[in-house]
Amino acid sequence: MFSDLLNAIFAPFLSQGLFIGVTTISVLASSITTLFYRFFVDQTAMKDVRKNMELYRELANAAQKENNVGKMNENVDKMMKLNKKYFSLSMKPMILSLLVFAVIFPWMGETFETVVVNLPFTLPFIGNTSGWFGWYFLLAIPSSIIMRKLL
């Protein structure tokens, strides 16, 4: 359904070779998901929730060391409520990201089915070659980290 559209969008990159195509699409997809998280999540609320979760984690650990089970359970309950809030804050960008990947991954599977990338290094259990998904994965993680640092 989206194959023709994606072929048209990524034609300039695919014409440079499948290696460049996979690389470009990997970086773009991870950048898009990072942008979703940046613009659709209240960053201040997320920081506050994380900070409070850490506080309750420390209080729970201190109560555990004091063998105060009641206080420990109370802090763990508070931490779990905050974890639920954290998850709900990140739900919208997660759904948007899943929609992007639901469209792009099947298309990439068809388009790059025969792609084999010779890695400049050897990975344990994998070796020095990878298919499109392995190459995508190796590129998506660092590009997401870099994009988050830039934002």
C-alpha atoms as a PDB file:
ATOM      1  CA  MET A   1       0.000   0.000   0.000  1.00  0.00           C
ATOM      2  CA  PHE A   2       2.720   2.471   0.969  1.00  0.00           C
ATOM      3  CA  SER A   3       5.432   0.802  -1.129  1.00  0.00           C
ATOM      4  CA  ASP A   4       5.109   3.122  -4.107  1.00  0.00           C
ATOM      5  CA  LEU A   5       5.077   6.207  -1.893  1.00  0.00           C
ATOM      6  CA  LEU A   6       8.128   5.069   0.090  1.00  0.00           C
ATOM      7  CA  ASN A   7       9.946   4.079  -3.117  1.00  0.00           C
ATOM      8  CA  ALA A   8       9.317   7.591  -4.454  1.00  0.00           C
ATOM      9  CA  ILE A   9      10.380   9.299  -1.212  1.00  0.00           C
ATOM     10  CA  PHE A  10      13.571   7.315  -0.795  1.00  0.00           C
ATOM     11  CA  ALA A  11      14.445   6.967  -4.509  1.00  0.00           C
ATOM     12  CA  PRO A  12      17.348   9.466  -4.308  1.00  0.00           C
ATOM     13  CA  PHE A  13      18.951   7.441  -1.523  1.00  0.00           C
ATOM     14  CA  LEU A  14      18.217   4.065  -3.067  1.00  0.00           C
ATOM     15  CA  SER A  15      19.825   5.206  -6.327  1.00  0.00           C
ATOM     16  CA  GLN A  16      23.076   5.666  -4.374  1.00  0.00           C
ATOM     17  CA  GLY A  17      23.076   1.982  -3.480  1.00  0.00           C
ATOM     18  CA  LEU A  18      21.325  -0.217  -0.982  1.00  0.00           C
ATOM     19  CA  PHE A  19      23.956   0.397   1.700  1.00  0.00           C
ATOM     20  CA  ILE A  20      23.361   4.179   1.531  1.00  0.00           C
ATOM     21  CA  GLY A  21      19.609   3.558   1.402  1.00  0.00           C
ATOM     22  CA  VAL A  22      19.546   1.461   4.562  1.00  0.00           C
ATOM     23  CA  THR A  23      21.869   3.886   6.329  1.00  0.00           C
ATOM     24  CA  THR A  24      19.801   6.949   5.420  1.00  0.00           C
ATOM     25  CA  ILE A  25      16.475   5.359   6.290  1.00  0.00           C
ATOM     26  CA  SER A  26      17.856   4.099   9.618  1.00  0.00           C
ATOM     27  CA  VAL A  27      19.083   7.524  10.632  1.00  0.00           C
ATOM     28  CA  LEU A  28      15.860   9.210   9.466  1.00  0.00           C
ATOM     29  CA  ALA A  29      13.578   6.739  11.249  1.00  0.00           C
ATOM     30  CA  SER A  30      15.459   6.979  14.532  1.00  0.00           C
ATOM     31  CA  SER A  31      15.555  10.778  14.231  1.00  0.00           C
ATOM     32  CA  ILE A  32      11.801  10.918  13.624  1.00  0.00           C
ATOM     33  CA  THR A  33      11.064   8.818  16.699  1.00  0.00           C
ATOM     34  CA  THR A  34      13.398  10.980  18.768  1.00  0.00           C
ATOM     35  CA  LEU A  35      11.579  14.086  17.538  1.00  0.00           C
ATOM     36  CA  PHE A  36       8.240  12.486  18.479  1.00  0.00           C
ATOM     37  CA  TYR A  37       9.481  11.991  22.024  1.00  0.00           C
ATOM     38  CA  ARG A  38      10.909  15.490  22.147  1.00  0.00           C
ATOM     39  CA  PHE A  39       7.774  17.302  20.989  1.00  0.00           C
ATOM     40  CA  PHE A  40       4.954  15.076  22.259  1.00  0.00           C
ATOM     41  CA  VAL A  41       6.197  14.465  25.794  1.00  0.00           C
ATOM     42  CA  ASP A  42       6.139  17.042  28.562  1.00  0.00           C
ATOM     43  CA  GLN A  43       9.845  16.945  29.331  1.00  0.00           C
ATOM     44  CA  THR A  44       9.478  18.814  32.623  1.00  0.00           C
ATOM     45  CA  ALA A  45       6.857  16.366  33.891  1.00  0.00           C
ATOM     46  CA  MET A  46       9.025  13.422  32.835  1.00  0.00           C
ATOM     47  CA  LYS A  47      12.025  14.840  34.719  1.00  0.00           C
ATOM     48  CA  ASP A  48       9.900  15.420  37.812  1.00  0.00           C
ATOM     49  CA  VAL A  49       8.497  11.888  37.702  1.00  0.00           C
ATOM     50  CA  ARG A  50      11.976  10.387  37.262  1.00  0.00           C
ATOM     51  CA  LYS A  51      13.326  12.495  40.124  1.00  0.00           C
ATOM     52  CA  ASN A  52      10.489  11.467  42.434  1.00  0.00           C
ATOM     53  CA  MET A  53      10.850   7.806  41.422  1.00  0.00           C
ATOM     54  CA  GLU A  54      14.524   7.953  42.358  1.00  0.00           C
ATOM     55  CA  LEU A  55      13.635   9.557  45.699  1.00  0.00           C
ATOM     56  CA  TYR A  56      11.113   6.819  46.530  1.00  0.00           C
ATOM     57  CA  ARG A  57      13.586   4.155  45.371  1.00  0.00           C
ATOM     58  CA  GLU A  58      16.168   5.512  47.809  1.00  0.00           C
ATOM     59  CA  LEU A  59      13.581   5.682  50.604  1.00  0.00           C
ATOM     60  CA  ALA A  60      12.481   2.106  49.870  1.00  0.00           C
ATOM     61  CA  ASN A  61      16.090   0.893  49.930  1.00  0.00           C
ATOM     62  CA  ALA A  62      16.725   2.710  53.218  1.00  0.00           C
ATOM     63  CA  ALA A  63      13.563   1.199  54.731  1.00  0.00           C
ATOM     64  CA  GLN A  64      14.629  -2.257  53.537  1.00  0.00           C
ATOM     65  CA  LYS A  65      18.007  -1.842  55.231  1.00  0.00           C
ATOM     66  CA  GLU A  66      16.168  -0.872  58.430  1.00  0.00           C
ATOM     67  CA  ASN A  67      13.895  -3.934  58.036  1.00  0.00           C
ATOM     68  CA  ASN A  68      10.862  -1.637  57.976  1.00  0.00           C
ATOM     69  CA  VAL A  69       8.657  -3.602  55.574  1.00  0.00           C
ATOM     70  CA  GLY A  70       5.645  -1.295  55.902  1.00  0.00           C
ATOM     71  CA  LYS A  71       7.597   1.826  55.005  1.00  0.00           C
ATOM     72  CA  MET A  72       9.368  -0.013  52.202  1.00  0.00           C
ATOM     73  CA  ASN A  73       6.052  -1.204  50.701  1.00  0.00           C
ATOM     74  CA  GLU A  74       4.595   2.295  50.976  1.00  0.00           C
ATOM     75  CA  ASN A  75       7.517   3.767  49.040  1.00  0.00           C
ATOM     76  CA  VAL A  76       7.423   0.989  46.450  1.00  0.00           C
ATOM     77  CA  ASP A  77       3.692   1.660  45.942  1.00  0.00           C
ATOM     78  CA  LYS A  78       4.389   5.357  45.406  1.00  0.00           C
ATOM     79  CA  MET A  79       7.171   4.463  43.007  1.00  0.00           C
ATOM     80  CA  MET A  80       4.837   2.158  41.055  1.00  0.00           C
ATOM     81  CA  LYS A  81       2.207   4.914  40.757  1.00  0.00           C
ATOM     82  CA  LEU A  82       4.854   7.248  39.401  1.00  0.00           C
ATOM     83  CA  ASN A  83       6.016   4.546  37.006  1.00  0.00           C
ATOM     84  CA  LYS A  84       2.446   4.279  35.699  1.00  0.00           C
ATOM     85  CA  LYS A  85       2.347   8.062  35.185  1.00  0.00           C
ATOM     86  CA  TYR A  86       5.721   7.929  33.416  1.00  0.00           C
ATOM     87  CA  PHE A  87       4.425   5.238  31.077  1.00  0.00           C
ATOM     88  CA  SER A  88       1.244   7.196  30.301  1.00  0.00           C
ATOM     89  CA  LEU A  89       3.272  10.336  29.506  1.00  0.00           C
ATOM     90  CA  SER A  90       5.331   8.422  26.946  1.00  0.00           C
ATOM     91  CA  MET A  91       2.384   6.574  25.368  1.00  0.00           C
ATOM     92  CA  LYS A  92       1.540   9.060  22.572  1.00  0.00           C
ATOM     93  CA  PRO A  93       5.026   9.213  21.007  1.00  0.00           C
ATOM     94  CA  MET A  94       5.369   5.458  21.400  1.00  0.00           C
ATOM     95  CA  ILE A  95       2.180   4.891  19.381  1.00  0.00           C
ATOM     96  CA  LEU A  96       3.298   7.363  16.709  1.00  0.00           C
ATOM     97  CA  SER A  97       6.677   5.631  16.503  1.00  0.00           C
ATOM     98  CA  LEU A  98       5.029   2.236  16.184  1.00  0.00           C
ATOM     99  CA  LEU A  99       2.919   3.546  13.304  1.00  0.00           C
ATOM    100  CA  VAL A 100       6.051   4.764  11.519  1.00  0.00           C
ATOM    101  CA  PHE A 101       7.754   1.414  11.986  1.00  0.00           C
ATOM    102  CA  ALA A 102       4.620  -0.503  10.984  1.00  0.00           C
ATOM    103  CA  VAL A 103       4.866   1.230   7.610  1.00  0.00           C
ATOM    104  CA  ILE A 104       8.647   1.349   7.144  1.00  0.00           C
ATOM    105  CA  PHE A 105       9.761  -2.097   8.365  1.00  0.00           C
ATOM    106  CA  PRO A 106       7.672  -4.216   5.986  1.00  0.00           C
ATOM    107  CA  TRP A 107       8.756  -2.003   3.088  1.00  0.00           C
ATOM    108  CA  MET A 108      12.409  -2.247   4.147  1.00  0.00           C
ATOM    109  CA  GLY A 109      12.040  -6.023   4.422  1.00  0.00           C
ATOM    110  CA  GLU A 110      10.905  -6.179   0.792  1.00  0.00           C
ATOM    111  CA  THR A 111      13.313  -3.587  -0.555  1.00  0.00           C
ATOM    112  CA  PHE A 112      16.441  -4.718   1.268  1.00  0.00           C
ATOM    113  CA  GLU A 113      15.743  -8.443   1.442  1.00  0.00           C
ATOM    114  CA  THR A 114      19.009  -9.367  -0.288  1.00  0.00           C
ATOM    115  CA  VAL A 115      21.223  -6.718   1.310  1.00  0.00           C
ATOM    116  CA  VAL A 116      24.286  -8.058   3.086  1.00  0.00           C
ATOM    117  CA  VAL A 117      26.483  -5.502   4.808  1.00  0.00           C
ATOM    118  CA  ASN A 118      30.147  -6.304   5.420  1.00  0.00           C
ATOM    119  CA  LEU A 119      30.868  -4.835   8.812  1.00  0.00           C
ATOM    120  CA  PRO A 120      34.278  -3.274   9.491  1.00  0.00           C
ATOM    121  CA  PHE A 121      34.420  -5.297  12.709  1.00  0.00           C
ATOM    122  CA  THR A 122      33.374  -8.698  13.977  1.00  0.00           C
ATOM    123  CA  LEU A 123      30.501  -9.042  16.410  1.00  0.00           C
ATOM    124  CA  PRO A 124      30.196 -12.002  18.775  1.00  0.00           C
ATOM    125  CA  PHE A 125      27.630 -14.565  17.600  1.00  0.00           C
ATOM    126  CA  ILE A 126      27.018 -12.534  14.415  1.00  0.00           C
ATOM    127  CA  GLY A 127      30.331 -12.309  12.615  1.00  0.00           C
ATOM    128  CA  ASN A 128      31.348  -9.588  10.204  1.00  0.00           C
ATOM    129  CA  THR A 129      28.264  -9.555   7.943  1.00  0.00           C
ATOM    130  CA  SER A 130      24.731  -8.456   8.633  1.00  0.00           C
ATOM    131  CA  GLY A 131      21.428  -8.139   6.859  1.00  0.00           C
ATOM    132  CA  TRP A 132      19.449  -4.921   6.571  1.00  0.00           C
ATOM    133  CA  PHE A 133      17.853  -5.263  10.003  1.00  0.00           C
ATOM    134  CA  GLY A 134      21.170  -5.768  11.785  1.00  0.00           C
ATOM    135  CA  TRP A 135      22.635  -2.767   9.989  1.00  0.00           C
ATOM    136  CA  TYR A 136      19.510  -0.745  10.808  1.00  0.00           C
ATOM    137  CA  PHE A 137      19.810  -1.693  14.474  1.00  0.00           C
ATOM    138  CA  LEU A 138      23.530  -0.844  14.629  1.00  0.00           C
ATOM    139  CA  LEU A 139      22.834   2.595  13.160  1.00  0.00           C
ATOM    140  CA  ALA A 140      19.581   3.425  14.964  1.00  0.00           C
ATOM    141  CA  ILE A 141      21.000   3.285  18.478  1.00  0.00           C
ATOM    142  CA  PRO A 142      23.891   5.739  18.036  1.00  0.00           C
ATOM    143  CA  SER A 143      21.866   8.061  15.806  1.00  0.00           C
ATOM    144  CA  SER A 144      19.101   8.196  18.442  1.00  0.00           C
ATOM    145  CA  ILE A 145      21.636   8.993  21.154  1.00  0.00           C
ATOM    146  CA  ILE A 146      23.225  11.722  19.046  1.00  0.00           C
ATOM    147  CA  MET A 147      19.840  13.197  18.126  1.00  0.00           C
ATOM    148  CA  ARG A 148      18.755  13.269  21.797  1.00  0.00           C
ATOM    149  CA  LYS A 149      21.965  15.032  22.755  1.00  0.00           C
ATOM    150  CA  LEU A 150      21.437  17.605  19.995  1.00  0.00           C
ATOM    151  CA  LEU A 151      17.904  18.323  21.189  1.00  0.00           C
END
